[in-house]
Amino acid sequence: MLVVDDEPSMRRILRRTLEAEGFHVEEAADGEAALKLVQARTEPFDLVLTDLSMPLIDGRQVSETLRRYRPTVAVLCMSGDPDAVPYIESEDVPVRVMLKPFTNEDLYHAVRDAITRATDLSAVAEAEIVKAHAGLSRLAMALETSRTMRV
């Protein structure tokens, strides 16, 4: 899991809380560092927990970039702005925004929910790929049979 927040104390609190629940946690101080970490890893993070308000690359940009280039990574946003919307609209699945402060229990449930939803979406996408591949295989066999019958 990757925790992205420009406040070191917040990152430390989140890290300790999530590690107490059994998660392996890495940290990034801003969106740019987060995207570099994600890009450098061969194995994707299960979840990226990012603050929305950060300098340079904010949490919304991190979320959009991950959806485009690492769609299997679950994303969960957080914000201290009481006017923040509860979800960021996305092409496929809206990204949840947790309002700070939140309880450890709220965090744990939101993390589990985001990971579960991302896993479910990955399974659906994989099933669609398998179906498409099977359809292409049948089409290729039909074309080959048609070509053989003409010769």
N, C-alpha and C. Protein backbone atom coordinates (compact mmCIF):
# COMPACT_ATOMS: atom_id res chain seq x y z
N MET A 1 0.84 -1.16 0.00
CA MET A 1 0.00 0.00 0.00
C MET A 1 0.90 1.24 0.00
N LEU A 2 0.45 2.28 -0.65
CA LEU A 2 1.19 3.53 -0.70
C LEU A 2 0.34 4.64 -0.08
N VAL A 3 0.91 5.35 0.88
CA VAL A 3 0.27 6.49 1.52
C VAL A 3 0.94 7.76 1.00
N VAL A 4 0.13 8.66 0.45
CA VAL A 4 0.64 9.90 -0.14
C VAL A 4 0.03 11.09 0.60
N ASP A 5 0.88 11.86 1.27
CA ASP A 5 0.41 13.05 1.98
C ASP A 5 1.62 13.96 2.17
N ASP A 6 1.41 15.26 1.99
CA ASP A 6 2.52 16.20 2.14
C ASP A 6 2.80 16.55 3.60
N GLU A 7 1.99 16.04 4.52
CA GLU A 7 2.23 16.27 5.95
C GLU A 7 2.88 15.02 6.55
N PRO A 8 4.16 15.14 6.96
CA PRO A 8 4.88 13.97 7.51
C PRO A 8 4.17 13.32 8.70
N SER A 9 3.58 14.13 9.59
CA SER A 9 2.91 13.56 10.76
C SER A 9 1.71 12.73 10.34
N MET A 10 0.97 13.18 9.34
CA MET A 10 -0.19 12.42 8.85
C MET A 10 0.27 11.10 8.23
N ARG A 11 1.34 11.14 7.45
CA ARG A 11 1.86 9.90 6.85
C ARG A 11 2.26 8.90 7.93
N ARG A 12 2.93 9.40 8.97
CA ARG A 12 3.36 8.51 10.06
C ARG A 12 2.17 7.87 10.76
N ILE A 13 1.16 8.67 11.06
CA ILE A 13 -0.04 8.15 11.74
C ILE A 13 -0.72 7.10 10.87
N LEU A 14 -0.91 7.42 9.60
CA LEU A 14 -1.56 6.47 8.69
C LEU A 14 -0.74 5.19 8.55
N ARG A 15 0.56 5.35 8.44
CA ARG A 15 1.43 4.17 8.31
C ARG A 15 1.28 3.26 9.53
N ARG A 16 1.41 3.84 10.73
CA ARG A 16 1.30 3.02 11.95
C ARG A 16 -0.06 2.35 12.05
N THR A 17 -1.11 3.09 11.74
CA THR A 17 -2.47 2.55 11.82
C THR A 17 -2.65 1.38 10.86
N LEU A 18 -2.21 1.55 9.64
CA LEU A 18 -2.39 0.50 8.63
C LEU A 18 -1.46 -0.68 8.86
N GLU A 19 -0.26 -0.44 9.33
CA GLU A 19 0.64 -1.56 9.64
C GLU A 19 0.13 -2.37 10.81
N ALA A 20 -0.55 -1.71 11.75
CA ALA A 20 -1.16 -2.43 12.88
C ALA A 20 -2.25 -3.38 12.40
N GLU A 21 -2.83 -3.09 11.22
CA GLU A 21 -3.85 -3.95 10.63
C GLU A 21 -3.24 -4.99 9.69
N GLY A 22 -1.91 -5.01 9.60
CA GLY A 22 -1.25 -6.05 8.80
C GLY A 22 -0.85 -5.63 7.40
N PHE A 23 -1.02 -4.39 7.04
CA PHE A 23 -0.64 -3.92 5.71
C PHE A 23 0.84 -3.54 5.67
N HIS A 24 1.48 -3.79 4.54
CA HIS A 24 2.82 -3.26 4.29
C HIS A 24 2.62 -1.89 3.67
N VAL A 25 3.24 -0.85 4.24
CA VAL A 25 2.98 0.52 3.81
C VAL A 25 4.27 1.21 3.39
N GLU A 26 4.22 1.86 2.23
CA GLU A 26 5.28 2.75 1.79
C GLU A 26 4.70 4.15 1.76
N GLU A 27 5.58 5.15 1.80
CA GLU A 27 5.13 6.54 1.87
C GLU A 27 5.69 7.36 0.72
N ALA A 28 4.93 8.39 0.35
CA ALA A 28 5.38 9.40 -0.61
C ALA A 28 4.94 10.76 -0.08
N ALA A 29 5.82 11.75 -0.22
CA ALA A 29 5.55 13.08 0.33
C ALA A 29 4.71 13.96 -0.59
N ASP A 30 4.54 13.53 -1.84
CA ASP A 30 3.72 14.30 -2.77
C ASP A 30 3.33 13.43 -3.96
N GLY A 31 2.50 13.99 -4.83
CA GLY A 31 2.00 13.23 -5.97
C GLY A 31 3.09 12.80 -6.94
N GLU A 32 4.05 13.67 -7.15
CA GLU A 32 5.14 13.33 -8.07
C GLU A 32 5.94 12.14 -7.56
N ALA A 33 6.29 12.15 -6.28
CA ALA A 33 7.03 11.03 -5.68
C ALA A 33 6.19 9.75 -5.73
N ALA A 34 4.88 9.89 -5.52
CA ALA A 34 4.00 8.72 -5.56
C ALA A 34 4.01 8.08 -6.94
N LEU A 35 3.84 8.89 -7.97
CA LEU A 35 3.79 8.34 -9.33
C LEU A 35 5.13 7.71 -9.72
N LYS A 36 6.22 8.28 -9.25
CA LYS A 36 7.54 7.68 -9.52
C LYS A 36 7.66 6.32 -8.84
N LEU A 37 7.19 6.23 -7.59
CA LEU A 37 7.21 4.95 -6.87
C LEU A 37 6.36 3.90 -7.58
N VAL A 38 5.17 4.29 -7.98
CA VAL A 38 4.26 3.36 -8.68
C VAL A 38 4.90 2.87 -9.97
N GLN A 39 5.52 3.79 -10.71
CA GLN A 39 6.14 3.44 -11.99
C GLN A 39 7.36 2.53 -11.80
N ALA A 40 8.10 2.73 -10.72
CA ALA A 40 9.33 1.97 -10.50
C ALA A 40 9.08 0.53 -10.05
N ARG A 41 7.92 0.25 -9.50
CA ARG A 41 7.62 -1.09 -8.98
C ARG A 41 7.18 -2.03 -10.09
N THR A 42 7.66 -3.27 -10.01
CA THR A 42 7.19 -4.27 -10.96
C THR A 42 5.83 -4.82 -10.51
N GLU A 43 5.65 -4.98 -9.21
CA GLU A 43 4.37 -5.42 -8.65
C GLU A 43 3.56 -4.19 -8.25
N PRO A 44 2.31 -4.09 -8.69
CA PRO A 44 1.53 -2.90 -8.34
C PRO A 44 1.15 -2.88 -6.85
N PHE A 45 0.93 -1.70 -6.34
CA PHE A 45 0.39 -1.56 -4.99
C PHE A 45 -1.04 -2.06 -5.00
N ASP A 46 -1.49 -2.61 -3.87
CA ASP A 46 -2.90 -2.99 -3.74
C ASP A 46 -3.77 -1.75 -3.69
N LEU A 47 -3.25 -0.71 -3.03
CA LEU A 47 -4.03 0.50 -2.82
C LEU A 47 -3.11 1.70 -2.71
N VAL A 48 -3.56 2.82 -3.25
CA VAL A 48 -2.90 4.10 -3.04
C VAL A 48 -3.88 4.98 -2.29
N LEU A 49 -3.47 5.41 -1.10
CA LEU A 49 -4.26 6.30 -0.25
C LEU A 49 -3.62 7.68 -0.37
N THR A 50 -4.33 8.62 -0.98
CA THR A 50 -3.73 9.92 -1.26
C THR A 50 -4.56 11.08 -0.75
N ASP A 51 -3.86 12.08 -0.24
CA ASP A 51 -4.51 13.33 0.13
C ASP A 51 -4.85 14.06 -1.16
N LEU A 52 -5.97 14.77 -1.16
CA LEU A 52 -6.36 15.51 -2.36
C LEU A 52 -5.56 16.80 -2.53
N SER A 53 -5.30 17.49 -1.44
CA SER A 53 -4.67 18.80 -1.51
C SER A 53 -3.17 18.69 -1.23
N MET A 54 -2.38 18.75 -2.30
CA MET A 54 -0.92 18.70 -2.19
C MET A 54 -0.34 19.61 -3.26
N PRO A 55 0.86 20.14 -3.02
CA PRO A 55 1.49 20.98 -4.04
C PRO A 55 1.94 20.14 -5.24
N LEU A 56 2.17 20.78 -6.35
CA LEU A 56 2.63 20.17 -7.61
C LEU A 56 1.56 19.26 -8.19
N ILE A 57 1.62 17.99 -7.89
CA ILE A 57 0.63 17.02 -8.39
C ILE A 57 -0.29 16.66 -7.23
N ASP A 58 -1.57 17.01 -7.34
CA ASP A 58 -2.49 16.75 -6.24
C ASP A 58 -3.08 15.34 -6.31
N GLY A 59 -3.86 15.00 -5.31
CA GLY A 59 -4.43 13.66 -5.22
C GLY A 59 -5.37 13.31 -6.36
N ARG A 60 -6.10 14.29 -6.87
CA ARG A 60 -6.99 14.05 -8.01
C ARG A 60 -6.16 13.64 -9.23
N GLN A 61 -5.05 14.32 -9.48
CA GLN A 61 -4.19 13.98 -10.61
C GLN A 61 -3.54 12.61 -10.42
N VAL A 62 -3.16 12.30 -9.19
CA VAL A 62 -2.61 10.97 -8.90
C VAL A 62 -3.66 9.91 -9.22
N SER A 63 -4.88 10.13 -8.76
CA SER A 63 -5.97 9.19 -8.99
C SER A 63 -6.23 8.99 -10.48
N GLU A 64 -6.33 10.10 -11.23
CA GLU A 64 -6.60 10.01 -12.67
C GLU A 64 -5.47 9.30 -13.41
N THR A 65 -4.23 9.59 -13.04
CA THR A 65 -3.08 8.95 -13.69
C THR A 65 -3.07 7.45 -13.41
N LEU A 66 -3.34 7.08 -12.17
CA LEU A 66 -3.37 5.65 -11.83
C LEU A 66 -4.50 4.94 -12.57
N ARG A 67 -5.65 5.54 -12.67
CA ARG A 67 -6.78 4.92 -13.38
C ARG A 67 -6.42 4.67 -14.84
N ARG A 68 -5.63 5.57 -15.42
CA ARG A 68 -5.25 5.45 -16.82
C ARG A 68 -4.15 4.40 -17.04
N TYR A 69 -3.13 4.41 -16.17
CA TYR A 69 -1.96 3.58 -16.42
C TYR A 69 -1.83 2.36 -15.51
N ARG A 70 -2.50 2.33 -14.40
CA ARG A 70 -2.51 1.19 -13.49
C ARG A 70 -3.92 0.95 -13.00
N PRO A 71 -4.83 0.55 -13.90
CA PRO A 71 -6.25 0.48 -13.53
C PRO A 71 -6.59 -0.56 -12.47
N THR A 72 -5.70 -1.51 -12.20
CA THR A 72 -6.01 -2.51 -11.19
C THR A 72 -5.69 -2.04 -9.77
N VAL A 73 -5.01 -0.90 -9.64
CA VAL A 73 -4.66 -0.38 -8.32
C VAL A 73 -5.87 0.33 -7.72
N ALA A 74 -6.24 -0.06 -6.52
CA ALA A 74 -7.33 0.61 -5.81
C ALA A 74 -6.84 1.98 -5.36
N VAL A 75 -7.72 2.97 -5.43
CA VAL A 75 -7.38 4.32 -5.02
C VAL A 75 -8.41 4.80 -4.01
N LEU A 76 -7.92 5.41 -2.95
CA LEU A 76 -8.77 6.00 -1.92
C LEU A 76 -8.19 7.38 -1.62
N CYS A 77 -9.04 8.40 -1.66
CA CYS A 77 -8.58 9.76 -1.41
C CYS A 77 -9.04 10.22 -0.03
N MET A 78 -8.35 11.24 0.47
CA MET A 78 -8.75 11.85 1.75
C MET A 78 -8.57 13.35 1.64
N SER A 79 -9.36 14.08 2.43
CA SER A 79 -9.31 15.53 2.37
C SER A 79 -9.71 16.12 3.72
N GLY A 80 -9.03 17.22 4.07
CA GLY A 80 -9.40 17.97 5.27
C GLY A 80 -10.41 19.06 4.96
N ASP A 81 -10.79 19.22 3.71
CA ASP A 81 -11.74 20.23 3.28
C ASP A 81 -13.16 19.73 3.53
N PRO A 82 -13.90 20.37 4.43
CA PRO A 82 -15.25 19.89 4.73
C PRO A 82 -16.21 19.97 3.54
N ASP A 83 -15.84 20.76 2.51
CA ASP A 83 -16.69 20.87 1.32
C ASP A 83 -16.30 19.88 0.22
N ALA A 84 -15.34 19.01 0.50
CA ALA A 84 -14.92 18.03 -0.51
C ALA A 84 -16.08 17.09 -0.83
N VAL A 85 -16.17 16.71 -2.09
CA VAL A 85 -17.22 15.77 -2.50
C VAL A 85 -16.87 14.38 -2.00
N PRO A 86 -17.87 13.54 -1.71
CA PRO A 86 -17.57 12.20 -1.17
C PRO A 86 -16.98 11.24 -2.20
N TYR A 87 -17.13 11.56 -3.50
CA TYR A 87 -16.57 10.71 -4.55
C TYR A 87 -16.04 11.58 -5.67
N ILE A 88 -14.93 11.15 -6.25
CA ILE A 88 -14.41 11.78 -7.45
C ILE A 88 -14.93 10.95 -8.61
N GLU A 89 -15.61 11.60 -9.52
CA GLU A 89 -16.15 10.88 -10.67
C GLU A 89 -15.01 10.36 -11.53
N SER A 90 -15.20 9.19 -12.06
CA SER A 90 -14.19 8.53 -12.89
C SER A 90 -14.91 7.86 -14.03
N GLU A 91 -14.14 7.51 -15.08
CA GLU A 91 -14.75 6.84 -16.23
C GLU A 91 -15.39 5.52 -15.86
N ASP A 92 -14.77 4.78 -14.94
CA ASP A 92 -15.28 3.46 -14.61
C ASP A 92 -15.94 3.42 -13.23
N VAL A 93 -15.17 3.66 -12.19
CA VAL A 93 -15.69 3.58 -10.83
C VAL A 93 -15.33 4.86 -10.09
N PRO A 94 -16.30 5.49 -9.44
CA PRO A 94 -15.97 6.70 -8.68
C PRO A 94 -14.98 6.37 -7.56
N VAL A 95 -14.09 7.31 -7.26
CA VAL A 95 -13.09 7.14 -6.22
C VAL A 95 -13.62 7.80 -4.94
N ARG A 96 -13.62 7.05 -3.86
CA ARG A 96 -14.15 7.56 -2.59
C ARG A 96 -13.19 8.57 -1.99
N VAL A 97 -13.76 9.60 -1.36
CA VAL A 97 -12.99 10.60 -0.64
C VAL A 97 -13.41 10.55 0.82
N MET A 98 -12.46 10.26 1.71
CA MET A 98 -12.73 10.26 3.15
C MET A 98 -12.41 11.64 3.71
N LEU A 99 -13.30 12.17 4.52
CA LEU A 99 -13.05 13.47 5.15
C LEU A 99 -12.25 13.29 6.44
N LYS A 100 -11.18 14.08 6.57
CA LYS A 100 -10.39 14.09 7.80
C LYS A 100 -11.10 14.97 8.82
N PRO A 101 -11.07 14.66 10.06
CA PRO A 101 -10.48 13.47 10.65
C PRO A 101 -11.43 12.27 10.55
N PHE A 102 -10.86 11.09 10.49
CA PHE A 102 -11.65 9.86 10.47
C PHE A 102 -11.07 8.91 11.49
N THR A 103 -11.87 7.93 11.87
CA THR A 103 -11.42 6.97 12.88
C THR A 103 -10.59 5.87 12.22
N ASN A 104 -9.84 5.17 13.03
CA ASN A 104 -9.07 4.03 12.53
C ASN A 104 -9.99 2.99 11.91
N GLU A 105 -11.15 2.79 12.53
CA GLU A 105 -12.11 1.82 12.01
C GLU A 105 -12.66 2.26 10.66
N ASP A 106 -12.98 3.55 10.53
CA ASP A 106 -13.45 4.07 9.24
C ASP A 106 -12.39 3.87 8.17
N LEU A 107 -11.14 4.15 8.51
CA LEU A 107 -10.04 3.99 7.56
C LEU A 107 -9.91 2.53 7.14
N TYR A 108 -9.90 1.64 8.10
CA TYR A 108 -9.76 0.22 7.81
C TYR A 108 -10.87 -0.28 6.88
N HIS A 109 -12.11 0.10 7.18
CA HIS A 109 -13.23 -0.35 6.34
C HIS A 109 -13.16 0.25 4.94
N ALA A 110 -12.79 1.51 4.84
CA ALA A 110 -12.68 2.16 3.53
C ALA A 110 -11.57 1.51 2.69
N VAL A 111 -10.46 1.19 3.32
CA VAL A 111 -9.35 0.53 2.63
C VAL A 111 -9.78 -0.85 2.13
N ARG A 112 -10.38 -1.63 3.00
CA ARG A 112 -10.84 -2.98 2.61
C ARG A 112 -11.87 -2.90 1.48
N ASP A 113 -12.78 -1.95 1.57
CA ASP A 113 -13.80 -1.79 0.53
C ASP A 113 -13.17 -1.42 -0.81
N ALA A 114 -12.22 -0.49 -0.80
CA ALA A 114 -11.57 -0.06 -2.05
C ALA A 114 -10.78 -1.22 -2.67
N ILE A 115 -10.08 -1.98 -1.86
CA ILE A 115 -9.31 -3.12 -2.38
C ILE A 115 -10.26 -4.18 -2.94
N THR A 116 -11.35 -4.45 -2.24
CA THR A 116 -12.32 -5.45 -2.70
C THR A 116 -12.94 -5.03 -4.02
N ARG A 117 -13.34 -3.75 -4.13
CA ARG A 117 -13.93 -3.27 -5.39
C ARG A 117 -12.94 -3.38 -6.54
N ALA A 118 -11.68 -3.01 -6.31
CA ALA A 118 -10.67 -3.09 -7.37
C ALA A 118 -10.43 -4.54 -7.78
N THR A 119 -10.42 -5.45 -6.82
CA THR A 119 -10.23 -6.88 -7.12
C THR A 119 -11.41 -7.41 -7.92
N ASP A 120 -12.62 -7.03 -7.53
CA ASP A 120 -13.82 -7.46 -8.26
C ASP A 120 -13.80 -6.95 -9.70
N LEU A 121 -13.42 -5.68 -9.89
CA LEU A 121 -13.35 -5.11 -11.24
C LEU A 121 -12.29 -5.81 -12.08
N SER A 122 -11.17 -6.15 -11.47
CA SER A 122 -10.11 -6.86 -12.19
C SER A 122 -10.59 -8.23 -12.64
N ALA A 123 -11.34 -8.91 -11.77
CA ALA A 123 -11.86 -10.23 -12.12
C ALA A 123 -12.86 -10.13 -13.27
N VAL A 124 -13.70 -9.12 -13.26
CA VAL A 124 -14.67 -8.92 -14.34
C VAL A 124 -13.93 -8.62 -15.65
N ALA A 125 -12.94 -7.74 -15.58
CA ALA A 125 -12.17 -7.40 -16.78
C ALA A 125 -11.46 -8.63 -17.34
N GLU A 126 -10.88 -9.44 -16.46
CA GLU A 126 -10.19 -10.65 -16.91
C GLU A 126 -11.16 -11.61 -17.57
N ALA A 127 -12.35 -11.77 -17.02
CA ALA A 127 -13.35 -12.65 -17.62
C ALA A 127 -13.75 -12.15 -19.00
N GLU A 128 -13.88 -10.83 -19.16
CA GLU A 128 -14.23 -10.26 -20.46
C GLU A 128 -13.12 -10.50 -21.48
N ILE A 129 -11.87 -10.41 -21.05
CA ILE A 129 -10.73 -10.67 -21.94
C ILE A 129 -10.74 -12.13 -22.38
N VAL A 130 -11.00 -13.03 -21.45
CA VAL A 130 -11.05 -14.47 -21.78
C VAL A 130 -12.17 -14.73 -22.79
N LYS A 131 -13.34 -14.12 -22.58
CA LYS A 131 -14.45 -14.31 -23.52
C LYS A 131 -14.10 -13.76 -24.89
N ALA A 132 -13.49 -12.60 -24.94
CA ALA A 132 -13.10 -12.00 -26.22
C ALA A 132 -12.08 -12.87 -26.93
N HIS A 133 -11.14 -13.41 -26.18
CA HIS A 133 -10.11 -14.28 -26.78
C HIS A 133 -10.76 -15.55 -27.35
N ALA A 134 -11.70 -16.13 -26.61
CA ALA A 134 -12.39 -17.33 -27.09
C ALA A 134 -13.16 -17.02 -28.38
N GLY A 135 -13.81 -15.85 -28.41
CA GLY A 135 -14.54 -15.45 -29.61
C GLY A 135 -13.61 -15.27 -30.79
N LEU A 136 -12.46 -14.67 -30.58
CA LEU A 136 -11.49 -14.49 -31.66
C LEU A 136 -10.95 -15.84 -32.14
N SER A 137 -10.74 -16.77 -31.21
CA SER A 137 -10.27 -18.11 -31.59
C SER A 137 -11.30 -18.81 -32.47
N ARG A 138 -12.59 -18.72 -32.11
CA ARG A 138 -13.64 -19.34 -32.92
C ARG A 138 -13.70 -18.69 -34.29
N LEU A 139 -13.55 -17.37 -34.35
CA LEU A 139 -13.57 -16.66 -35.62
C LEU A 139 -12.38 -17.10 -36.49
N ALA A 140 -11.21 -17.23 -35.90
CA ALA A 140 -10.02 -17.66 -36.65
C ALA A 140 -10.23 -19.08 -37.20
N MET A 141 -10.82 -19.96 -36.39
CA MET A 141 -11.07 -21.33 -36.85
C MET A 141 -12.08 -21.33 -38.00
N ALA A 142 -13.12 -20.51 -37.89
CA ALA A 142 -14.13 -20.44 -38.95
C ALA A 142 -13.51 -19.91 -40.24
N LEU A 143 -12.66 -18.91 -40.13
CA LEU A 143 -11.99 -18.37 -41.32
C LEU A 143 -11.07 -19.42 -41.95
N GLU A 144 -10.36 -20.16 -41.13
CA GLU A 144 -9.46 -21.20 -41.63
C GLU A 144 -10.27 -22.30 -42.32
N THR A 145 -11.40 -22.70 -41.72
CA THR A 145 -12.26 -23.72 -42.31
C THR A 145 -12.80 -23.23 -43.65
N SER A 146 -13.23 -21.99 -43.70
CA SER A 146 -13.76 -21.40 -44.93
C SER A 146 -12.69 -21.37 -46.02
N ARG A 147 -11.48 -21.00 -45.63
CA ARG A 147 -10.37 -20.93 -46.60
C ARG A 147 -10.04 -22.34 -47.11
N THR A 148 -10.04 -23.33 -46.24
CA THR A 148 -9.72 -24.70 -46.61
C THR A 148 -10.77 -25.27 -47.56
N MET A 149 -12.05 -24.93 -47.32
CA MET A 149 -13.13 -25.45 -48.15
C MET A 149 -13.08 -24.85 -49.56
N ARG A 150 -12.55 -23.64 -49.70
CA ARG A 150 -12.46 -23.03 -51.03
C ARG A 150 -11.32 -23.60 -51.85
N VAL A 151 -10.34 -24.14 -51.22
CA VAL A 151 -9.16 -24.64 -51.95
C VAL A 151 -9.38 -26.01 -52.49
